[in-house]
């Protein structure tokens, strides 16, 4: 078997998008990778943060049943972790790239059959940031949990227009989608951003930032990511 295979390649408005399967010989492991242009977006080797985003957000929500919105599909680890919770009644996953949704529906990624086969889960093409900006939320119009895993961090965005979300005004627009006591969760690959937490604190009833450690076997070292949470009043 070849140690490398490109499973899909697309030219998108955001740049060249590729899905690759790589055999990590040193780890005796097959890994899925996604690249956008020259940037590595995600890898199935590092999923602790994506899964923690769902688990920490759902666990902090009010008692179920819960309607959950996930911004960003990727390889599907945040969505799948949300579905691990029986109290999740419905899950909407919004991704701006229809090609990524197609990977899941066509079974090109490992979690595709699970997500596509769960009747609670709906995969939708759309610009999450524009939805927040315009108030054009998918149905239902309010959610108990909104979990976002799209940009690299609160200051490193895939698209300059995404920056609206991280302002006080953008956070207020997002909070309008939450039920009372609902939870907004956000993944970041950077250390906690105190300025962003201060903006969150002006909008949400309560906020926190949890540092999530994970092993990097390529470097034989521990690394971290951050999960932000904000609670609606």
Foldseek 3Di string as FASTA:
>chain_A
DDQKDWPDWDQDPLAIKTWMWGQPVVVRDIKIWIDGHNDTQDMPVDCQLLLCLLVVQVVQFPFALWEEEEEDQALNNNVVSNVVDPSDQAYEYEYQDVVRLVCLCVVVHPCSCVQVVDVRYDYYHDDPQVCLVVVVDDPPQATLEYEYDAAQALPGGSDPSSNCCLALVSVQSVCVRYDAFGKYKYKHQDDDDVVSVVSLVVRAPDKDKDWDWDADVVVRDIGTIIMIMGTHD
